[in-house]
C-alpha atoms as a PDB file:
ATOM      1  CA  SER A   1      15.381  13.626  24.062  1.00  0.00           C
ATOM      2  CA  PRO A   2      15.172  11.442  22.126  1.00  0.00           C
ATOM      3  CA  SER A   3      12.030   9.843  23.500  1.00  0.00           C
ATOM      4  CA  LYS A   4      12.922   6.240  22.596  1.00  0.00           C
ATOM      5  CA  GLY A   5      15.860   3.900  22.067  1.00  0.00           C
ATOM      6  CA  LEU A   6      16.665   0.273  21.223  1.00  0.00           C
ATOM      7  CA  ILE A   7      16.727  -2.596  23.707  1.00  0.00           C
ATOM      8  CA  THR A   8      20.443  -2.994  22.947  1.00  0.00           C
ATOM      9  CA  GLY A   9      21.050   0.307  24.768  1.00  0.00           C
ATOM     10  CA  GLY A  10      23.669   2.948  24.031  1.00  0.00           C
ATOM     11  CA  MET A  11      21.327   5.834  23.211  1.00  0.00           C
ATOM     12  CA  ASN A  12      22.585   9.180  24.543  1.00  0.00           C
ATOM     13  CA  VAL A  13      19.574  10.746  26.296  1.00  0.00           C
ATOM     14  CA  THR A  14      19.320  14.325  27.580  1.00  0.00           C
ATOM     15  CA  VAL A  15      16.837  15.327  30.264  1.00  0.00           C
ATOM     16  CA  ALA A  16      15.912  18.950  30.839  1.00  0.00           C
ATOM     17  CA  GLY A  17      14.886  20.238  34.275  1.00  0.00           C
ATOM     18  CA  TYR A  18      16.205  22.635  36.907  1.00  0.00           C
ATOM     19  CA  GLY A  19      18.078  22.603  40.199  1.00  0.00           C
ATOM     20  CA  PHE A  20      20.791  20.112  39.162  1.00  0.00           C
ATOM     21  CA  ASP A  21      24.081  20.593  41.098  1.00  0.00           C
ATOM     22  CA  ASP A  22      27.583  20.151  39.761  1.00  0.00           C
ATOM     23  CA  GLY A  23      29.444  17.681  41.939  1.00  0.00           C
ATOM     24  CA  GLY A  24      26.491  15.749  43.254  1.00  0.00           C
ATOM     25  CA  TYR A  25      25.946  12.042  42.537  1.00  0.00           C
ATOM     26  CA  LEU A  26      23.574  12.034  39.560  1.00  0.00           C
ATOM     27  CA  MET A  27      21.622   8.936  38.472  1.00  0.00           C
ATOM     28  CA  CYS A  28      19.172   8.350  35.622  1.00  0.00           C
ATOM     29  CA  ILE A  29      16.601   5.693  36.448  1.00  0.00           C
ATOM     30  CA  PHE A  30      14.836   3.996  33.526  1.00  0.00           C
ATOM     31  CA  TYR A  31      11.751   2.121  34.661  1.00  0.00           C
ATOM     32  CA  ASP A  32       8.367   0.717  33.717  1.00  0.00           C
ATOM     33  CA  ASP A  33       5.804  -1.351  35.617  1.00  0.00           C
ATOM     34  CA  ALA A  34       8.127  -4.378  35.735  1.00  0.00           C
ATOM     35  CA  TYR A  35      11.781  -3.233  35.550  1.00  0.00           C
ATOM     36  CA  GLU A  36      13.963  -0.465  36.960  1.00  0.00           C
ATOM     37  CA  ILE A  37      17.550   0.064  35.760  1.00  0.00           C
ATOM     38  CA  SER A  38      19.853   2.873  36.933  1.00  0.00           C
ATOM     39  CA  THR A  39      22.757   4.426  35.034  1.00  0.00           C
ATOM     40  CA  PRO A  40      25.092   7.344  35.876  1.00  0.00           C
ATOM     41  CA  GLY A  41      24.007  10.841  34.910  1.00  0.00           C
ATOM     42  CA  TYR A  42      26.300  13.553  33.540  1.00  0.00           C
ATOM     43  CA  TYR A  43      25.931  17.183  34.614  1.00  0.00           C
ATOM     44  CA  HIS A  44      25.929  19.833  31.852  1.00  0.00           C
ATOM     45  CA  ARG A  45      24.273  22.753  33.590  1.00  0.00           C
ATOM     46  CA  SER A  46      21.687  23.351  36.260  1.00  0.00           C
ATOM     47  CA  THR A  47      18.895  22.669  33.762  1.00  0.00           C
ATOM     48  CA  LEU A  48      20.383  19.780  31.760  1.00  0.00           C
ATOM     49  CA  VAL A  49      21.591  16.238  32.500  1.00  0.00           C
ATOM     50  CA  SER A  50      22.514  13.443  30.076  1.00  0.00           C
ATOM     51  CA  CYS A  51      22.931   9.694  30.434  1.00  0.00           C
ATOM     52  CA  ILE A  52      23.415   6.577  28.331  1.00  0.00           C
ATOM     53  CA  GLN A  53      20.366   4.350  28.080  1.00  0.00           C
ATOM     54  CA  PRO A  54      21.153   0.859  29.419  1.00  0.00           C
ATOM     55  CA  ALA A  55      20.276  -2.374  27.647  1.00  0.00           C
ATOM     56  CA  TRP A  56      16.758  -3.562  28.435  1.00  0.00           C
ATOM     57  CA  PRO A  57      15.555  -7.183  28.772  1.00  0.00           C
ATOM     58  CA  ARG A  58      12.518  -6.621  26.535  1.00  0.00           C
ATOM     59  CA  PRO A  59      10.553  -3.795  24.885  1.00  0.00           C
ATOM     60  CA  SER A  60       9.041  -1.539  27.533  1.00  0.00           C
ATOM     61  CA  HIS A  61       5.304  -1.541  28.060  1.00  0.00           C
ATOM     62  CA  ARG A  62       3.676   1.194  26.007  1.00  0.00           C
ATOM     63  CA  GLY A  63       2.693   4.256  28.017  1.00  0.00           C
ATOM     64  CA  LYS A  64       4.252   2.841  31.196  1.00  0.00           C
ATOM     65  CA  SER A  65       7.994   3.522  30.817  1.00  0.00           C
ATOM     66  CA  PHE A  66       9.755   6.656  32.071  1.00  0.00           C
ATOM     67  CA  ILE A  67      13.007   8.292  33.190  1.00  0.00           C
ATOM     68  CA  LYS A  68      13.546  10.022  36.510  1.00  0.00           C
ATOM     69  CA  ILE A  69      16.648  11.824  37.789  1.00  0.00           C
ATOM     70  CA  THR A  70      18.063  11.545  41.309  1.00  0.00           C
ATOM     71  CA  GLN A  71      20.950  13.466  42.836  1.00  0.00           C
ATOM     72  CA  ASP A  72      22.459  12.105  46.015  1.00  0.00           C
ATOM     73  CA  ARG A  73      19.384   9.814  46.123  1.00  0.00           C
ATOM     74  CA  VAL A  74      16.994  12.754  46.072  1.00  0.00           C
ATOM     75  CA  ILE A  75      14.531  12.794  43.162  1.00  0.00           C
ATOM     76  CA  LYS A  76      15.205  15.855  41.015  1.00  0.00           C
ATOM     77  CA  SER A  77      12.632  15.248  38.278  1.00  0.00           C
ATOM     78  CA  VAL A  78       9.722  17.645  38.487  1.00  0.00           C
ATOM     79  CA  MET A  79       7.715  15.028  36.619  1.00  0.00           C
ATOM     80  CA  LYS A  80       8.447  11.646  35.107  1.00  0.00           C
ATOM     81  CA  VAL A  81       9.698  11.826  31.522  1.00  0.00           C
ATOM     82  CA  PRO A  82       8.174   9.284  29.059  1.00  0.00           C
ATOM     83  CA  TYR A  83      10.737   7.051  27.345  1.00  0.00           C
ATOM     84  CA  GLU A  84      10.128   3.967  25.165  1.00  0.00           C
ATOM     85  CA  VAL A  85      12.541   1.064  24.861  1.00  0.00           C
ATOM     86  CA  VAL A  86      11.988  -0.417  21.395  1.00  0.00           C
ATOM     87  CA  GLY A  87      12.624  -4.036  20.387  1.00  0.00           C
ATOM     88  CA  LEU A  88      13.130  -5.993  17.199  1.00  0.00           C
ATOM     89  CA  LEU A  89      10.711  -5.914  14.300  1.00  0.00           C
ATOM     90  CA  GLU A  90       7.805  -8.264  14.956  1.00  0.00           C
ATOM     91  CA  SER A  91       5.037  -7.040  12.663  1.00  0.00           C
ATOM     92  CA  LEU A  92       4.300  -4.639   9.858  1.00  0.00           C
ATOM     93  CA  ARG A  93       1.328  -2.310   9.607  1.00  0.00           C
ATOM     94  CA  VAL A  94       0.462  -1.514   5.994  1.00  0.00           C
ATOM     95  CA  PRO A  95      -2.603   0.127   4.413  1.00  0.00           C
ATOM     96  CA  THR A  96      -5.180  -2.234   2.989  1.00  0.00           C
ATOM     97  CA  GLY A  97      -8.440  -1.987   1.081  1.00  0.00           C
ATOM     98  CA  MET A  98      -7.185   0.442  -1.581  1.00  0.00           C
ATOM     99  CA  LYS A  99      -8.971   0.795  -4.909  1.00  0.00           C
ATOM    100  CA  ILE A 100      -6.655   1.300  -7.909  1.00  0.00           C
ATOM    101  CA  PRO A 101      -8.293   2.368 -11.207  1.00  0.00           C
ATOM    102  CA  SER A 102      -7.068   0.436 -14.221  1.00  0.00           C
ATOM    103  CA  ALA A 103      -5.207   2.467 -16.863  1.00  0.00           C
ATOM    104  CA  PRO A 104      -2.411   1.985 -19.408  1.00  0.00           C
ATOM    105  CA  ILE A 105      -0.103   2.830 -16.478  1.00  0.00           C
ATOM    106  CA  SER A 106      -1.809   2.365 -13.107  1.00  0.00           C
ATOM    107  CA  GLU A 107       0.294   3.947 -10.374  1.00  0.00           C
ATOM    108  CA  ILE A 108       0.096   2.374  -6.947  1.00  0.00           C
ATOM    109  CA  PRO A 109      -0.286   5.052  -4.248  1.00  0.00           C
ATOM    110  CA  ALA A 110       2.757   5.417  -2.007  1.00  0.00           C
ATOM    111  CA  LEU A 111       2.427   2.777   0.708  1.00  0.00           C
ATOM    112  CA  GLN A 112       3.337   3.984   4.179  1.00  0.00           C
ATOM    113  CA  MET A 113       4.481   1.148   6.429  1.00  0.00           C
ATOM    114  CA  ASP A 114       4.945   1.105  10.184  1.00  0.00           C
ATOM    115  CA  GLY A 115       7.355  -1.459  11.590  1.00  0.00           C
ATOM    116  CA  LEU A 116       6.262  -2.580  15.065  1.00  0.00           C
ATOM    117  CA  ASP A 117       7.925  -4.518  17.867  1.00  0.00           C
ATOM    118  CA  SER A 118       6.129  -6.972  20.161  1.00  0.00           C
ATOM    119  CA  GLU A 119       4.710  -4.111  22.272  1.00  0.00           C
ATOM    120  CA  GLY A 120       3.483  -2.086  19.305  1.00  0.00           C
ATOM    121  CA  HIS A 121       6.263   0.540  19.325  1.00  0.00           C
ATOM    122  CA  THR A 122       7.209   1.856  15.881  1.00  0.00           C
ATOM    123  CA  ILE A 123      10.808   0.868  15.149  1.00  0.00           C
ATOM    124  CA  PHE A 124      11.463   3.377  12.337  1.00  0.00           C
ATOM    125  CA  PRO A 125      13.673   5.363  12.141  1.00  0.00           C
ATOM    126  CA  LEU A 126      15.665   3.611  14.902  1.00  0.00           C
ATOM    127  CA  VAL A 127      16.180   0.558  12.682  1.00  0.00           C
ATOM    128  CA  THR A 128      16.890   1.744   9.158  1.00  0.00           C
ATOM    129  CA  GLU A 129      20.497   1.093   8.203  1.00  0.00           C
ATOM    130  CA  ASN A 130      20.171  -2.621   8.953  1.00  0.00           C
ATOM    131  CA  LEU A 131      16.632  -2.974   7.637  1.00  0.00           C
ATOM    132  CA  ILE A 132      16.098  -4.865   4.389  1.00  0.00           C
ATOM    133  CA  LEU A 133      12.689  -4.905   2.754  1.00  0.00           C
ATOM    134  CA  THR A 134      11.982  -7.282  -0.102  1.00  0.00           C
ATOM    135  CA  VAL A 135       8.771  -7.189  -2.087  1.00  0.00           C
ATOM    136  CA  GLN A 136       7.408 -10.217  -3.857  1.00  0.00           C
ATOM    137  CA  GLN A 137       7.538  -9.339  -7.548  1.00  0.00           C
ATOM    138  CA  ARG A 138       4.126 -10.795  -8.327  1.00  0.00           C
ATOM    139  CA  VAL A 139       0.761 -10.059  -6.797  1.00  0.00           C
ATOM    140  CA  SER A 140      -1.859 -12.820  -6.552  1.00  0.00           C
ATOM    141  CA  CYS A 141      -5.300 -11.830  -7.878  1.00  0.00           C
ATOM    142  CA  ILE A 142      -8.793 -13.177  -8.520  1.00  0.00           C
ATOM    143  CA  SER A 143     -10.600 -11.561 -11.437  1.00  0.00           C
ATOM    144  CA  SER A 144     -13.735  -9.557 -10.704  1.00  0.00           C
ATOM    145  CA  SER A 145     -15.632 -11.196 -13.549  1.00  0.00           C
ATOM    146  CA  VAL A 146     -18.864 -12.714 -12.262  1.00  0.00           C
ATOM    147  CA  ALA A 147     -18.795 -15.391 -14.942  1.00  0.00           C
ATOM    148  CA  ASN A 148     -15.152 -16.387 -14.588  1.00  0.00           C
ATOM    149  CA  LYS A 149     -13.362 -16.183 -11.224  1.00  0.00           C
ATOM    150  CA  GLU A 150      -9.957 -16.740 -12.745  1.00  0.00           C
ATOM    151  CA  HIS A 151      -6.773 -16.707 -10.632  1.00  0.00           C
ATOM    152  CA  PHE A 152      -3.818 -14.839 -12.110  1.00  0.00           C
ATOM    153  CA  ASP A 153      -0.730 -12.824 -11.166  1.00  0.00           C
ATOM    154  CA  LEU A 154      -0.096  -9.112 -11.678  1.00  0.00           C
ATOM    155  CA  LEU A 155       3.463  -8.000 -12.306  1.00  0.00           C
ATOM    156  CA  ILE A 156       4.641  -5.123 -10.111  1.00  0.00           C
ATOM    157  CA  GLN A 157       6.970  -2.737 -11.894  1.00  0.00           C
ATOM    158  CA  HIS A 158       8.858   0.262 -10.564  1.00  0.00           C
ATOM    159  CA  SER A 159       9.774   3.558 -12.150  1.00  0.00           C
ATOM    160  CA  LEU A 160      12.801   4.537 -10.061  1.00  0.00           C
ATOM    161  CA  PRO A 161      16.300   3.354 -11.035  1.00  0.00           C
ATOM    162  CA  SER A 162      17.837   0.741  -8.770  1.00  0.00           C
ATOM    163  CA  SER A 163      20.509   3.211  -7.664  1.00  0.00           C
ATOM    164  CA  GLU A 164      17.812   5.112  -5.768  1.00  0.00           C
ATOM    165  CA  ALA A 165      16.396   1.991  -4.135  1.00  0.00           C
ATOM    166  CA  HIS A 166      17.044   0.764  -0.616  1.00  0.00           C
ATOM    167  CA  LEU A 167      16.052  -2.875  -1.142  1.00  0.00           C
ATOM    168  CA  VAL A 168      17.597  -6.102  -2.316  1.00  0.00           C
ATOM    169  CA  SER A 169      14.755  -6.340  -4.806  1.00  0.00           C
ATOM    170  CA  ASP A 170      15.554  -2.813  -6.091  1.00  0.00           C
ATOM    171  CA  MET A 171      12.141  -1.595  -5.017  1.00  0.00           C
ATOM    172  CA  PRO A 172      12.175   2.061  -3.900  1.00  0.00           C
ATOM    173  CA  PHE A 173      11.840   2.088  -0.115  1.00  0.00           C
ATOM    174  CA  SER A 174      12.825   5.108   1.946  1.00  0.00           C
ATOM    175  CA  PRO A 175      12.764   5.428   5.749  1.00  0.00           C
ATOM    176  CA  LEU A 176      11.072   8.598   6.964  1.00  0.00           C
ATOM    177  CA  GLN A 177      11.720  10.537  10.123  1.00  0.00           C
ATOM    178  CA  GLN A 178       8.120  10.233  11.249  1.00  0.00           C
ATOM    179  CA  GLY A 179       8.664   6.617  12.193  1.00  0.00           C
ATOM    180  CA  ARG A 180       7.497   5.189   8.882  1.00  0.00           C
ATOM    181  CA  GLY A 181       8.854   3.758   5.694  1.00  0.00           C
ATOM    182  CA  THR A 182       7.405   4.471   2.264  1.00  0.00           C
ATOM    183  CA  LEU A 183       7.216   2.158  -0.728  1.00  0.00           C
ATOM    184  CA  GLN A 184       6.661   4.263  -3.823  1.00  0.00           C
ATOM    185  CA  GLY A 185       7.166   4.500  -7.577  1.00  0.00           C
ATOM    186  CA  LEU A 186       5.352   1.209  -8.268  1.00  0.00           C
ATOM    187  CA  PHE A 187       2.859   0.632 -11.065  1.00  0.00           C
ATOM    188  CA  PHE A 188       0.967  -1.956 -13.107  1.00  0.00           C
ATOM    189  CA  GLU A 189       0.535  -1.925 -16.870  1.00  0.00           C
ATOM    190  CA  ARG A 190      -3.092  -2.259 -18.017  1.00  0.00           C
ATOM    191  CA  PRO A 191      -4.205  -4.350 -14.996  1.00  0.00           C
ATOM    192  CA  ARG A 192      -7.390  -6.386 -15.180  1.00  0.00           C
ATOM    193  CA  ALA A 193     -10.138  -5.698 -12.660  1.00  0.00           C
ATOM    194  CA  ALA A 194      -9.553  -8.005  -9.715  1.00  0.00           C
ATOM    195  CA  THR A 195      -9.194  -8.399  -5.979  1.00  0.00           C
ATOM    196  CA  CYS A 196      -5.506  -8.789  -5.197  1.00  0.00           C
ATOM    197  CA  THR A 197      -3.081  -9.685  -2.418  1.00  0.00           C
ATOM    198  CA  ALA A 198       0.475  -8.308  -2.316  1.00  0.00           C
ATOM    199  CA  ILE A 199       3.041  -9.907  -0.020  1.00  0.00           C
ATOM    200  CA  TYR A 200       5.792  -7.930   1.705  1.00  0.00           C
ATOM    201  CA  GLU A 201       8.750  -9.564   3.456  1.00  0.00           C
ATOM    202  CA  VAL A 202      10.947  -7.658   5.881  1.00  0.00           C
ATOM    203  CA  TYR A 203      14.232  -8.637   7.491  1.00  0.00           C
ATOM    204  CA  SER A 204      15.367  -6.641  10.495  1.00  0.00           C
ATOM    205  CA  SER A 205      18.589  -6.719  12.459  1.00  0.00           C
ATOM    206  CA  LEU A 206      20.124  -4.580  15.162  1.00  0.00           C
ATOM    207  CA  PRO A 207      23.775  -3.553  15.585  1.00  0.00           C
ATOM    208  CA  GLY A 208      25.758  -6.571  16.679  1.00  0.00           C
ATOM    209  CA  ILE A 209      23.022  -9.036  15.685  1.00  0.00           C
ATOM    210  CA  ALA A 210      23.423 -10.931  12.415  1.00  0.00           C
ATOM    211  CA  ARG A 211      20.541 -10.541   9.990  1.00  0.00           C
ATOM    212  CA  SER A 212      19.929 -14.291   9.892  1.00  0.00           C
ATOM    213  CA  GLU A 213      19.180 -14.165  13.624  1.00  0.00           C
ATOM    214  CA  GLY A 214      16.701 -11.329  13.299  1.00  0.00           C
ATOM    215  CA  PRO A 215      12.992 -11.961  12.728  1.00  0.00           C
ATOM    216  CA  LYS A 216      11.515 -12.162   9.268  1.00  0.00           C
ATOM    217  CA  VAL A 217       8.094 -10.570   8.919  1.00  0.00           C
ATOM    218  CA  ARG A 218       5.644 -11.503   6.183  1.00  0.00           C
ATOM    219  CA  GLN A 219       2.719  -9.145   5.738  1.00  0.00           C
ATOM    220  CA  GLU A 220      -0.172  -9.260   3.275  1.00  0.00           C
ATOM    221  CA  CYS A 221      -1.820  -6.191   1.773  1.00  0.00           C
ATOM    222  CA  HIS A 222      -5.213  -6.505   0.098  1.00  0.00           C
ATOM    223  CA  PHE A 223      -6.438  -4.120  -2.587  1.00  0.00           C
ATOM    224  CA  GLU A 224      -8.787  -3.999  -5.553  1.00  0.00           C
ATOM    225  CA  VAL A 225      -8.180  -3.053  -9.163  1.00  0.00           C
ATOM    226  CA  VAL A 226     -11.325  -1.430 -10.565  1.00  0.00           C
ATOM    227  CA  ALA A 227     -12.284  -0.448 -14.098  1.00  0.00           C
ATOM    228  CA  GLY A 228     -10.737   2.840 -15.173  1.00  0.00           C
ATOM    229  CA  GLU A 229     -11.874   5.551 -17.544  1.00  0.00           C
ATOM    230  CA  ALA A 230     -13.858   4.530 -20.632  1.00  0.00           C
ATOM    231  CA  ASP A 231     -11.562   3.936 -23.589  1.00  0.00           C
ATOM    232  CA  HIS A 232     -13.404   1.984 -26.292  1.00  0.00           C
ATOM    233  CA  LEU A 233     -16.489  -0.063 -27.136  1.00  0.00           C
ATOM    234  CA  GLY A 234     -16.538  -3.800 -27.617  1.00  0.00           C
ATOM    235  CA  LEU A 235     -19.024  -5.861 -29.621  1.00  0.00           C
ATOM    236  CA  VAL A 236     -20.668  -8.473 -27.389  1.00  0.00           C
ATOM    237  CA  GLU A 237     -23.188  -9.699 -29.904  1.00  0.00           C
ATOM    238  CA  GLY A 238     -23.716  -8.818 -33.562  1.00  0.00           C
ATOM    239  CA  PRO A 239     -25.767  -9.761 -36.599  1.00  0.00           C
ATOM    240  CA  SER A 240     -25.368 -13.348 -37.713  1.00  0.00           C
ATOM    241  CA  GLY A 241     -25.532 -12.438 -41.392  1.00  0.00           C
ATOM    242  CA  GLU A 242     -28.893 -14.086 -41.962  1.00  0.00           C
ATOM    243  CA  ILE A 243     -31.616 -11.858 -43.396  1.00  0.00           C
ATOM    244  CA  ASP A 244     -35.329 -12.494 -43.017  1.00  0.00           C
ATOM    245  CA  PRO A 245     -37.847 -11.795 -45.842  1.00  0.00           C
ATOM    246  CA  ASN A 246     -38.421  -8.286 -44.483  1.00  0.00           C
ATOM    247  CA  ARG A 247     -34.694  -7.480 -44.968  1.00  0.00           C
ATOM    248  CA  LYS A 248     -34.107  -7.390 -41.209  1.00  0.00           C
ATOM    249  CA  VAL A 249     -30.800  -8.580 -39.777  1.00  0.00           C
ATOM    250  CA  SER A 250     -30.732 -10.247 -36.372  1.00  0.00           C
ATOM    251  CA  PRO A 251     -29.733 -10.304 -33.658  1.00  0.00           C
ATOM    252  CA  LEU A 252     -29.295  -6.606 -33.024  1.00  0.00           C
ATOM    253  CA  PRO A 253     -25.785  -5.604 -31.957  1.00  0.00           C
ATOM    254  CA  VAL A 254     -24.979  -5.396 -28.226  1.00  0.00           C
ATOM    255  CA  LEU A 255     -22.009  -3.320 -27.070  1.00  0.00           C
ATOM    256  CA  GLU A 256     -19.987  -3.021 -23.891  1.00  0.00           C
ATOM    257  CA  LEU A 257     -17.987  -0.030 -22.666  1.00  0.00           C
ATOM    258  CA  LEU A 258     -14.391  -0.931 -21.816  1.00  0.00           C
ATOM    259  CA  ASP A 259     -11.385   0.768 -20.284  1.00  0.00           C
ATOM    260  CA  ALA A 260      -7.882   0.635 -21.797  1.00  0.00           C
ATOM    261  CA  ALA A 261      -7.209  -2.808 -20.272  1.00  0.00           C
ATOM    262  CA  GLY A 262     -10.499  -4.270 -21.522  1.00  0.00           C
ATOM    263  CA  ASN A 263     -12.262  -4.122 -18.143  1.00  0.00           C
ATOM    264  CA  LEU A 264     -16.005  -3.642 -18.314  1.00  0.00           C
ATOM    265  CA  GLN A 265     -16.933  -0.074 -17.474  1.00  0.00           C
ATOM    266  CA  VAL A 266     -20.134   0.347 -15.504  1.00  0.00           C
ATOM    267  CA  PRO A 267     -22.110   2.871 -17.559  1.00  0.00           C
ATOM    268  CA  ASN A 268     -24.144   5.835 -16.443  1.00  0.00           C
ATOM    269  CA  PRO A 269     -27.809   4.740 -16.753  1.00  0.00           C
ATOM    270  CA  ASP A 270     -28.580   7.929 -18.655  1.00  0.00           C
ATOM    271  CA  GLN A 271     -25.601   7.653 -20.991  1.00  0.00           C
ATOM    272  CA  LEU A 272     -26.409   6.907 -24.621  1.00  0.00           C
ATOM    273  CA  VAL A 273     -24.076   5.673 -27.344  1.00  0.00           C
ATOM    274  CA  SER A 274     -24.708   6.328 -31.002  1.00  0.00           C
ATOM    275  CA  GLY A 275     -22.873   5.186 -34.100  1.00  0.00           C
ATOM    276  CA  THR A 276     -23.135   4.721 -37.814  1.00  0.00           C
ATOM    277  CA  VAL A 277     -23.181   1.208 -39.291  1.00  0.00           C
ATOM    278  CA  TRP A 278     -20.879   0.562 -42.214  1.00  0.00           C
ATOM    279  CA  GLY A 279     -20.484  -2.876 -43.691  1.00  0.00           C
ATOM    280  CA  SER A 280     -21.221  -5.312 -46.472  1.00  0.00           C
ATOM    281  CA  GLY A 281     -22.218  -8.902 -46.943  1.00  0.00           C
ATOM    282  CA  TYR A 282     -20.236 -11.718 -48.463  1.00  0.00           C
ATOM    283  CA  PRO A 283     -18.434 -10.855 -51.724  1.00  0.00           C
ATOM    284  CA  GLY A 284     -20.843 -11.028 -54.638  1.00  0.00           C
ATOM    285  CA  SER A 285     -23.935 -11.062 -52.425  1.00  0.00           C
ATOM    286  CA  GLY A 286     -24.850  -7.486 -53.281  1.00  0.00           C
ATOM    287  CA  ILE A 287     -25.846  -6.875 -49.631  1.00  0.00           C
ATOM    288  CA  SER A 288     -24.548  -3.734 -47.978  1.00  0.00           C
ATOM    289  CA  VAL A 289     -25.397  -1.383 -45.111  1.00  0.00           C
ATOM    290  CA  THR A 290     -24.173   2.180 -45.215  1.00  0.00           C
ATOM    291  CA  GLY A 291     -25.035   5.200 -43.130  1.00  0.00           C
ATOM    292  CA  GLN A 292     -27.647   3.689 -40.817  1.00  0.00           C
ATOM    293  CA  VAL A 293     -27.408   5.501 -37.457  1.00  0.00           C
ATOM    294  CA  LEU A 294     -28.015   3.339 -34.379  1.00  0.00           C
ATOM    295  CA  THR A 295     -28.553   4.429 -30.785  1.00  0.00           C
ATOM    296  CA  PHE A 296     -27.637   2.231 -27.809  1.00  0.00           C
ATOM    297  CA  ARG A 297     -28.904   2.538 -24.233  1.00  0.00           C
ATOM    298  CA  PRO A 298     -27.414   0.681 -21.252  1.00  0.00           C
ATOM    299  CA  ASN A 299     -29.391  -2.179 -19.775  1.00  0.00           C
ATOM    300  CA  PRO A 300     -29.391  -1.576 -15.969  1.00  0.00           C
ATOM    301  CA  PHE A 301     -29.365  -5.324 -15.271  1.00  0.00           C
ATOM    302  CA  THR A 302     -26.525  -6.375 -17.591  1.00  0.00           C
ATOM    303  CA  GLY A 303     -24.583  -3.134 -17.989  1.00  0.00           C
ATOM    304  CA  MET A 304     -24.474  -3.801 -21.736  1.00  0.00           C
ATOM    305  CA  TYR A 305     -25.475  -1.267 -24.375  1.00  0.00           C
ATOM    306  CA  GLU A 306     -28.444  -2.532 -26.366  1.00  0.00           C
ATOM    307  CA  CYS A 307     -29.685  -1.068 -29.609  1.00  0.00           C
ATOM    308  CA  THR A 308     -32.859   1.005 -29.217  1.00  0.00           C
ATOM    309  CA  CYS A 309     -33.851   0.535 -32.850  1.00  0.00           C
ATOM    310  CA  ASP A 310     -36.549  -1.906 -33.909  1.00  0.00           C
ATOM    311  CA  ALA A 311     -34.412  -3.538 -36.550  1.00  0.00           C
ATOM    312  CA  LEU A 312     -31.190  -3.315 -38.496  1.00  0.00           C
ATOM    313  CA  MET A 313     -32.309  -3.063 -42.102  1.00  0.00           C
ATOM    314  CA  MET A 314     -30.543  -4.116 -45.271  1.00  0.00           C
ATOM    315  CA  PRO A 315     -31.328  -2.198 -48.479  1.00  0.00           C
END
C-alpha cells in the first residue's frame, strides 16, 4: 500500500508477503506491458518490504501495472501486486442530465467529480493540495417555453462562506478520500424552467511543476430546471369588459398554474380549481359581479385551466 502513486515518483510503498531475508539484496520491480523499472527494497521483517516508487515516463496502462519483489534475483512475490502510476489531470467526469425543481431557493445536488489522467486513472486524492477548481459564475440556458426559446444566463450562488472554500472562485470544493471531489452548497434563486449548461474549469499541477505548465481542463455539465411545486394561479385570458344583451361577459377566464418562479406547472388531469369572482365595471357603470363561483378544469392539450361554466353573468 498505497495502490497508486504519481508519475513524478517518490511514493513510499509497502509490500506484504513472507519469506523475506534480512541481509539479502532486495529489489522492487515496477512494471506494466511496456516498461519495467527497478528500485531498491528495504527489509522490515520477514513479511514486509518497502521501497520508493520511481518516476515513470507516462501513466501506467490500467489493469496492466504491478509490483514484484526479488531477493538476490529470486522472485519472492507469491503473486503480482497491482499498482497504478497516475499522471496529470487530462479530463473531468461529472454527473449530467440532472433535473432540478424550481423553487424560491433551488439547491443544486452535490456534484461529485472524478479527475482522470490520460489512461483513465482517478487522480484524487493524489493531486489535491495543488489542484485549483474554478467554476464559471453563470450558467447558459435555453428556456423550456415552446413559444419562446429564449437564451439567458442563470446566476450560481453559494451558501458556504469563502473561508470554507477551496477554490479561487470561492466555490465550496472539497477533495474526498474516495478519489473524488465534491462541489456543494450551490443554489439558484427562483430559476426559470430551462435546459442549461454549466462550465467547470480545472487547473492541475504536481509538486515541482508550475501551475501554468499543467493542463487546464474545461468540462461541460448539462442539466434541466423543471417546474417546481404549485404556488399560485395566473390569468391567461379574462373578460374584455364587453357585455352582450343577455348580460354575458366574454371571453371566459383561462388560468394557468404556476410555481414560485412563474414556471408553468403541468396539472393533474383530474385536478379542479374553483374560485369566487369579485369585481366591478368602470366607475359609474353600475356593473358589478360578486359571489359567482367558477370551476376550472385543465385542458389536456394546452395545460391551461378553462372555466367549466356556460357563461360569466353580470347582474
